Amino acid sequence: MNIRQLEAFRAMMQAGTTKGAAELIGLSQPAVSRLIEAFEHTVDIPLFARARNRLTPTPEAILLFEAVERTFTSVDRIRELAADIRAADTGKLSLAALPALAFGLMPAVLETYRAQHPRSSITLAVQTSTRVEELAAAQAIDLGFAELPLVRGGVDVETFCRAPLVLAVPSDHRLVGRAQVTPQDLADEPLIVLPQTSLSRQRLDQAFARAGLTCSPVLEVQYAGLVATLIGRGLGIGLLDPFTAAATDGQELVRIPFRPAIPFEVAVLHPTQRPLSRAARSFLAIVRRERNGVLHAQQETEPAEC
């Protein structure tokens, strides 16, 4: 018994004639007849009564057809799934990203990806960079986005971007119009910053220390997106990564280059023991396009690498 015999039998039961069956499966009538005869021989059951050049299904054929239909429901689903996988329409994507990218870049990426692949299923975990690295090393995610430097093995690493942080201020702030600002310019300003566990915060503290100053924020919050929101409400000023800054375009914030430049360095991670699926490759193509659009806009004032 082979799949072509089952296809011929199924087509014959559906069409009622060898001509109709041949049209359904794209074979000649003699080929269909041979396949049906071979199938009858294989199962050793008379499936059709032959009279006046017509084939009439036997009761046994009707019983067998019910089982064949159930089988082909699974076969058809496999074919559909294979086509979906080729087009990256289905399948599950497990992602993890540091908050700056999860809130600043991923919404636009997910919108585009879902529009192109509406039957896909995605899980996005918002994690610290350290945790993203752990998940990728444990082979627990398909793709991860974490701030450099990394300390673990077991992951393939692709540089995603290296772009400077920018100072964000309300549109009526006294620093608007400056070509750049330094720690000295911010000494008496109400700063809103990330926690000291953040690499960006550590680099900001170092920049102040080298200038002989102490970074004394008025607000310390967990996420860059919240920093941007609070700046927009006039509660202070602060440094933002390019993706969070791009997501604030409707908040009338002004971005000013900060010196010394504090780099925001992000890598894409994926497990070494899990090859990238079509869905993951499709997602990466979209996230790279979105990244390029954000960084291209920033390059008007600050150089970026990706």
Protein backbone atom coordinates (compact mmCIF):
# COMPACT_ATOMS: atom_id res chain seq x y z
CA MET A 1 0.00 0.00 0.00
CA ASN A 2 1.32 3.46 -0.86
CA ILE A 3 0.06 7.02 -0.72
CA ARG A 4 -0.71 7.16 -4.46
CA GLN A 5 -3.03 4.17 -4.17
CA LEU A 6 -4.84 5.84 -1.29
CA GLU A 7 -5.09 9.09 -3.27
CA ALA A 8 -6.59 7.26 -6.26
CA PHE A 9 -9.10 5.41 -4.07
CA ARG A 10 -10.07 8.61 -2.27
CA ALA A 11 -10.45 10.54 -5.53
CA MET A 12 -12.59 7.74 -7.00
CA MET A 13 -14.89 7.79 -3.98
CA GLN A 14 -15.18 11.58 -4.17
CA ALA A 15 -15.67 11.89 -7.93
CA GLY A 16 -17.61 8.69 -8.66
CA THR A 17 -15.86 8.09 -12.00
CA THR A 18 -12.31 7.32 -13.08
CA LYS A 19 -12.39 10.41 -15.31
CA GLY A 20 -13.34 12.63 -12.40
CA ALA A 21 -10.79 10.95 -10.14
CA ALA A 22 -8.07 11.46 -12.77
CA GLU A 23 -8.87 15.18 -12.92
CA LEU A 24 -8.78 15.48 -9.12
CA ILE A 25 -5.28 14.08 -8.74
CA GLY A 26 -3.80 15.01 -12.11
CA LEU A 27 -3.32 11.53 -13.56
CA SER A 28 -4.64 9.72 -16.61
CA GLN A 29 -7.69 7.48 -16.35
CA PRO A 30 -5.64 4.30 -17.02
CA ALA A 31 -3.21 5.31 -14.27
CA VAL A 32 -6.08 5.76 -11.82
CA SER A 33 -7.54 2.39 -12.79
CA ARG A 34 -4.19 0.68 -12.24
CA LEU A 35 -3.75 2.30 -8.84
CA ILE A 36 -7.23 1.26 -7.72
CA GLU A 37 -6.66 -2.33 -8.89
CA ALA A 38 -3.35 -2.40 -7.04
CA PHE A 39 -5.03 -1.06 -3.91
CA GLU A 40 -7.73 -3.73 -4.07
CA HIS A 41 -5.05 -6.37 -4.44
CA THR A 42 -3.14 -4.92 -1.49
CA VAL A 43 -6.09 -4.88 0.91
CA ASP A 44 -7.51 -8.11 -0.59
CA ILE A 45 -11.05 -6.71 -0.52
CA PRO A 46 -13.34 -6.06 -3.52
CA LEU A 47 -13.87 -2.31 -3.39
CA PHE A 48 -15.83 -1.64 -6.58
CA ALA A 49 -18.43 -3.58 -8.51
CA ARG A 50 -17.74 -3.26 -12.22
CA ALA A 51 -20.72 -3.08 -14.54
CA ARG A 52 -21.33 -1.28 -17.85
CA ASN A 53 -17.94 0.46 -17.65
CA ARG A 54 -18.81 1.92 -14.28
CA LEU A 55 -17.31 1.33 -10.85
CA THR A 56 -19.77 1.21 -7.97
CA PRO A 57 -18.36 1.26 -4.41
CA THR A 58 -19.02 -1.81 -2.31
CA PRO A 59 -20.15 -1.48 1.33
CA GLU A 60 -16.60 -2.44 2.32
CA ALA A 61 -15.25 0.45 0.24
CA ILE A 62 -17.55 2.88 2.02
CA LEU A 63 -16.30 1.67 5.41
CA LEU A 64 -12.69 1.91 4.27
CA PHE A 65 -13.24 5.37 2.81
CA GLU A 66 -14.12 6.73 6.28
CA ALA A 67 -10.74 5.62 7.60
CA VAL A 68 -8.92 6.93 4.53
CA GLU A 69 -10.59 10.33 4.94
CA ARG A 70 -9.38 10.56 8.52
CA THR A 71 -5.88 9.74 7.33
CA PHE A 72 -5.97 12.35 4.61
CA THR A 73 -7.19 14.98 7.03
CA SER A 74 -3.83 14.55 8.77
CA VAL A 75 -1.94 14.39 5.46
CA ASP A 76 -3.60 17.57 4.22
CA ARG A 77 -2.75 19.28 7.48
CA ILE A 78 0.88 18.23 7.11
CA ARG A 79 0.96 19.69 3.60
CA GLU A 80 -0.59 22.94 4.80
CA LEU A 81 1.84 23.11 7.71
CA ALA A 82 4.81 22.51 5.42
CA ALA A 83 3.63 25.33 3.15
CA ASP A 84 3.16 27.59 6.17
CA ILE A 85 6.65 26.78 7.46
CA ARG A 86 8.14 27.55 4.05
CA ALA A 87 6.45 30.93 4.21
CA ALA A 88 7.20 31.30 7.96
CA ASP A 89 3.48 31.84 8.56
CA THR A 90 3.15 29.52 11.53
CA GLY A 91 5.34 28.05 14.17
CA LYS A 92 6.22 29.45 17.54
CA LEU A 93 8.83 32.09 18.20
CA SER A 94 10.25 32.48 21.68
CA LEU A 95 11.98 35.83 22.19
CA ALA A 96 13.61 37.66 25.07
CA ALA A 97 14.77 41.27 25.05
CA LEU A 98 16.11 43.89 27.40
CA PRO A 99 13.45 46.50 28.26
CA ALA A 100 14.82 49.26 26.03
CA LEU A 101 14.29 47.14 22.93
CA ALA A 102 11.17 45.37 24.17
CA PHE A 103 9.33 48.67 24.68
CA GLY A 104 11.18 50.90 22.22
CA LEU A 105 11.60 48.76 19.09
CA MET A 106 9.63 45.53 19.37
CA PRO A 107 6.08 46.94 19.11
CA ALA A 108 6.73 48.13 15.53
CA VAL A 109 8.56 44.91 14.67
CA LEU A 110 5.77 42.73 16.03
CA GLU A 111 3.16 44.76 14.18
CA THR A 112 4.94 44.23 10.86
CA TYR A 113 5.70 40.57 11.53
CA ARG A 114 2.14 39.74 12.55
CA ALA A 115 0.77 41.51 9.47
CA GLN A 116 2.96 39.30 7.28
CA HIS A 117 2.51 36.10 9.32
CA PRO A 118 -0.91 36.29 11.00
CA ARG A 119 -0.97 32.64 12.07
CA SER A 120 2.31 32.82 13.96
CA SER A 121 2.58 32.49 17.73
CA ILE A 122 5.11 34.65 19.59
CA THR A 123 6.26 34.85 23.18
CA LEU A 124 8.28 37.93 24.15
CA ALA A 125 9.87 37.97 27.60
CA VAL A 126 11.11 41.31 28.92
CA GLN A 127 14.25 40.52 30.89
CA THR A 128 17.53 42.00 32.03
CA SER A 129 20.41 41.49 29.63
CA THR A 130 21.96 38.99 32.04
CA ARG A 131 18.77 36.94 32.07
CA VAL A 132 18.44 37.10 28.27
CA GLU A 133 21.96 35.73 28.02
CA GLU A 134 21.11 32.92 30.46
CA LEU A 135 18.01 31.94 28.48
CA ALA A 136 19.93 31.84 25.20
CA ALA A 137 22.76 29.78 26.73
CA ALA A 138 20.17 27.34 28.13
CA GLN A 139 18.72 26.93 24.62
CA ALA A 140 15.37 28.17 26.00
CA ILE A 141 14.65 30.87 23.40
CA ASP A 142 14.95 31.29 19.65
CA LEU A 143 16.33 34.83 19.73
CA GLY A 144 17.55 37.16 22.44
CA PHE A 145 18.49 40.84 22.48
CA ALA A 146 20.93 41.82 25.21
CA GLU A 147 23.28 44.67 26.01
CA LEU A 148 26.99 44.00 25.56
CA PRO A 149 29.38 42.86 26.94
CA LEU A 150 28.39 39.21 27.37
CA VAL A 151 30.01 36.72 29.71
CA ARG A 152 28.53 33.32 28.80
CA GLY A 153 29.27 30.78 26.12
CA GLY A 154 26.81 28.55 24.35
CA VAL A 155 25.34 31.33 22.22
CA ASP A 156 25.95 32.72 18.76
CA VAL A 157 26.38 36.48 18.92
CA GLU A 158 25.62 39.06 16.23
CA THR A 159 26.25 42.74 16.88
CA PHE A 160 22.92 44.48 16.57
CA CYS A 161 23.90 48.09 17.13
CA ARG A 162 26.40 50.43 18.72
CA ALA A 163 24.87 53.87 19.08
CA PRO A 164 25.37 56.70 21.60
CA LEU A 165 22.83 57.65 24.22
CA VAL A 166 21.25 61.07 23.78
CA LEU A 167 20.05 63.57 26.34
CA ALA A 168 16.29 64.09 26.19
CA VAL A 169 14.80 67.34 27.48
CA PRO A 170 11.39 69.05 27.20
CA SER A 171 11.04 71.36 24.21
CA ASP A 172 11.15 74.49 26.40
CA HIS A 173 14.29 73.49 28.33
CA ARG A 174 17.22 75.90 28.63
CA LEU A 175 19.59 73.39 26.96
CA VAL A 176 17.59 73.25 23.73
CA GLY A 177 19.74 74.55 20.90
CA ARG A 178 23.04 73.31 22.32
CA ALA A 179 25.24 71.39 19.87
CA GLN A 180 26.14 69.05 22.72
CA VAL A 181 26.11 68.85 26.51
CA THR A 182 28.57 67.54 29.10
CA PRO A 183 28.32 66.43 32.74
CA GLN A 184 29.13 70.00 33.79
CA ASP A 185 25.99 71.20 31.97
CA LEU A 186 23.89 68.72 33.94
CA ALA A 187 25.36 69.31 37.38
CA ASP A 188 22.37 71.29 38.67
CA GLU A 189 19.70 69.60 36.56
CA PRO A 190 17.06 67.15 37.89
CA LEU A 191 18.27 63.89 36.38
CA ILE A 192 16.06 60.84 35.84
CA VAL A 193 18.18 57.71 35.52
CA LEU A 194 18.12 53.93 35.40
CA PRO A 195 19.21 51.80 38.40
CA GLN A 196 22.91 51.39 39.15
CA THR A 197 22.68 47.77 37.97
CA SER A 198 22.23 49.17 34.45
CA LEU A 199 25.39 49.35 32.34
CA SER A 200 24.26 52.68 30.87
CA ARG A 201 23.85 54.13 34.38
CA GLN A 202 27.28 52.88 35.40
CA ARG A 203 28.84 54.59 32.39
CA LEU A 204 26.97 57.81 33.20
CA ASP A 205 28.29 57.73 36.77
CA GLN A 206 31.81 57.20 35.40
CA ALA A 207 31.45 60.18 33.06
CA PHE A 208 30.43 62.39 35.98
CA ALA A 209 33.28 61.05 38.14
CA ARG A 210 35.87 61.80 35.44
CA ALA A 211 34.52 65.36 35.32
CA GLY A 212 34.97 65.62 39.10
CA LEU A 213 31.23 65.54 39.72
CA THR A 214 28.76 63.23 41.39
CA CYS A 215 25.67 62.04 39.56
CA SER A 216 22.79 62.82 41.96
CA PRO A 217 19.49 61.90 40.30
CA VAL A 218 16.12 63.05 41.54
CA LEU A 219 14.40 59.95 40.19
CA GLU A 220 15.66 56.42 39.59
CA VAL A 221 13.34 54.08 37.65
CA GLN A 222 13.53 50.59 36.21
CA TYR A 223 12.78 51.17 32.54
CA ALA A 224 14.04 53.60 29.90
CA GLY A 225 10.49 54.02 28.63
CA LEU A 226 9.46 55.34 32.03
CA VAL A 227 12.41 57.72 32.02
CA ALA A 228 11.07 59.14 28.74
CA THR A 229 7.53 59.42 30.08
CA LEU A 230 8.67 61.30 33.18
CA ILE A 231 10.79 63.68 31.10
CA GLY A 232 7.73 64.37 28.97
CA ARG A 233 5.81 65.30 32.13
CA GLY A 234 8.46 67.86 33.03
CA LEU A 235 9.87 65.99 36.02
CA GLY A 236 13.47 66.16 34.82
CA ILE A 237 15.84 65.25 32.01
CA GLY A 238 17.78 62.09 31.22
CA LEU A 239 19.72 59.96 28.77
CA LEU A 240 17.87 57.66 26.40
CA ASP A 241 18.94 54.92 24.03
CA PRO A 242 18.04 55.54 20.35
CA PHE A 243 15.12 53.10 20.31
CA THR A 244 13.44 54.51 23.39
CA ALA A 245 14.09 58.02 22.08
CA ALA A 246 12.48 57.14 18.73
CA ALA A 247 9.40 55.85 20.53
CA THR A 248 8.90 59.28 22.15
CA ASP A 249 8.44 61.20 18.90
CA GLY A 250 4.93 62.21 19.90
CA GLN A 251 6.02 63.63 23.27
CA GLU A 252 7.76 66.77 21.95
CA LEU A 253 11.10 65.91 23.50
CA VAL A 254 14.31 67.38 22.14
CA ARG A 255 17.39 65.18 21.82
CA ILE A 256 20.87 66.60 22.36
CA PRO A 257 24.22 64.77 21.89
CA PHE A 258 25.97 64.01 25.18
CA ARG A 259 29.75 64.08 25.63
CA PRO A 260 31.67 62.01 26.45
CA ALA A 261 29.63 59.64 24.30
CA ILE A 262 28.08 56.73 26.20
CA PRO A 263 27.59 53.80 23.83
CA PHE A 264 24.47 51.66 23.82
CA GLU A 265 25.70 48.28 22.53
CA VAL A 266 23.26 45.47 21.82
CA ALA A 267 23.74 41.98 20.41
CA VAL A 268 21.35 39.41 18.96
CA LEU A 269 21.79 36.02 20.62
CA HIS A 270 20.60 32.62 19.52
CA PRO A 271 21.41 29.18 20.90
CA THR A 272 24.30 27.35 19.31
CA GLN A 273 22.45 24.01 19.36
CA ARG A 274 19.29 25.29 17.67
CA PRO A 275 19.52 26.40 14.01
CA LEU A 276 17.49 29.47 13.11
CA SER A 277 14.04 28.56 11.84
CA ARG A 278 12.45 30.26 8.84
CA ALA A 279 10.24 32.18 11.25
CA ALA A 280 13.28 33.40 13.22
CA ARG A 281 15.09 34.45 10.04
CA SER A 282 12.00 36.32 8.85
CA PHE A 283 11.71 38.05 12.23
CA LEU A 284 15.38 39.04 12.15
CA ALA A 285 14.99 40.57 8.71
CA ILE A 286 12.14 42.76 9.96
CA VAL A 287 13.88 43.78 13.19
CA ARG A 288 17.00 44.76 11.22
CA ARG A 289 14.94 46.95 8.89
CA GLU A 290 13.26 48.67 11.83
CA ARG A 291 16.63 49.13 13.54
CA ASN A 292 18.12 50.68 10.40
CA GLY A 293 15.26 53.16 10.18
CA VAL A 294 15.73 54.29 13.77
CA LEU A 295 19.51 54.57 13.54
CA HIS A 296 19.39 56.33 10.18
CA ALA A 297 17.20 59.03 11.73
CA GLN A 298 19.62 59.44 14.64
CA GLN A 299 22.68 59.68 12.40
CA GLU A 300 21.68 63.21 11.52
CA THR A 301 23.08 64.19 14.92
CA GLU A 302 25.02 61.17 16.18
CA PRO A 303 26.93 58.39 14.37
CA ALA A 304 25.79 54.79 14.95
CA GLU A 305 27.05 51.37 13.97
CA CYS A 306 25.00 48.30 13.17
